[in-house]
Protein backbone atom coordinates (compact mmCIF):
# COMPACT_ATOMS: atom_id res chain seq x y z
CA MET A 1 0.63 -3.59 -8.58
CA GLU A 2 -2.37 -1.63 -7.41
CA LYS A 3 -2.32 -3.27 -3.96
CA MET A 4 1.41 -2.69 -3.68
CA ASN A 5 1.00 1.00 -4.54
CA LYS A 6 -1.68 1.27 -1.84
CA GLY A 7 0.72 -0.20 0.72
CA GLU A 8 -1.19 -3.45 1.11
CA GLY A 9 0.65 -6.65 1.93
CA THR A 10 4.27 -7.17 2.93
CA LEU A 11 5.79 -5.93 -0.30
CA GLY A 12 3.49 -2.92 -0.34
CA GLN A 13 4.53 -2.02 3.20
CA LEU A 14 8.20 -2.47 2.36
CA VAL A 15 7.92 -0.19 -0.67
CA ASN A 16 5.71 2.47 0.95
CA ASN A 17 6.72 2.43 4.62
CA ASP A 18 10.12 3.99 5.36
CA SER A 19 10.22 2.79 8.96
CA LEU A 20 9.79 -0.85 7.92
CA TYR A 21 12.62 -0.45 5.40
CA HIS A 22 14.92 1.15 7.98
CA ASN A 23 14.09 -1.46 10.63
CA LEU A 24 14.83 -4.27 8.19
CA ASN A 25 18.18 -2.69 7.28
CA SER A 26 19.03 -2.23 10.94
CA THR A 27 18.19 -5.87 11.68
CA ALA A 28 20.37 -7.03 8.79
CA ARG A 29 23.31 -4.91 10.05
CA ASP A 30 22.88 -6.23 13.60
CA LEU A 31 22.79 -9.82 12.36
CA ASP A 32 25.90 -9.25 10.23
CA SER A 33 27.68 -7.78 13.25
CA PHE A 34 26.64 -10.72 15.44
CA ILE A 35 27.81 -13.30 12.89
CA SER A 36 31.16 -11.54 12.54
CA ASP A 37 31.62 -11.40 16.33
CA PHE A 38 30.53 -15.03 16.67
CA LYS A 39 33.17 -16.11 14.13
CA GLN A 40 35.87 -14.14 15.97
CA ASN A 41 34.78 -15.07 19.52
CA PRO A 42 32.82 -18.35 19.52
CA ARG A 43 33.65 -19.02 23.17
CA LYS A 44 31.78 -15.87 24.11
CA TYR A 45 28.55 -17.55 22.98
CA LEU A 46 29.21 -21.28 23.39
CA LYS A 47 30.09 -22.75 26.75
CA VAL A 48 31.00 -26.42 26.48
CA SER A 49 32.03 -28.55 29.40
CA LEU A 50 34.07 -31.69 28.68
CA ILE A 51 33.02 -33.12 32.05
CA SER A 52 29.41 -33.51 30.90
CA PHE A 53 30.53 -35.64 27.95
CA GLY A 54 32.28 -38.13 30.24
CA LYS A 55 29.18 -39.03 32.28
């Protein structure tokens, strides 16, 4: 607990460093948005050609 209170280690940084917390939340929101868009528009991200399967 002492190391965490001093901001040492990953958990200590997460607890004591606001910017790390906000960046992690932002990344989680961006990933959630990407997954939602991917589910709605898979062709936007995956380009499959049936011709390449025939060769």
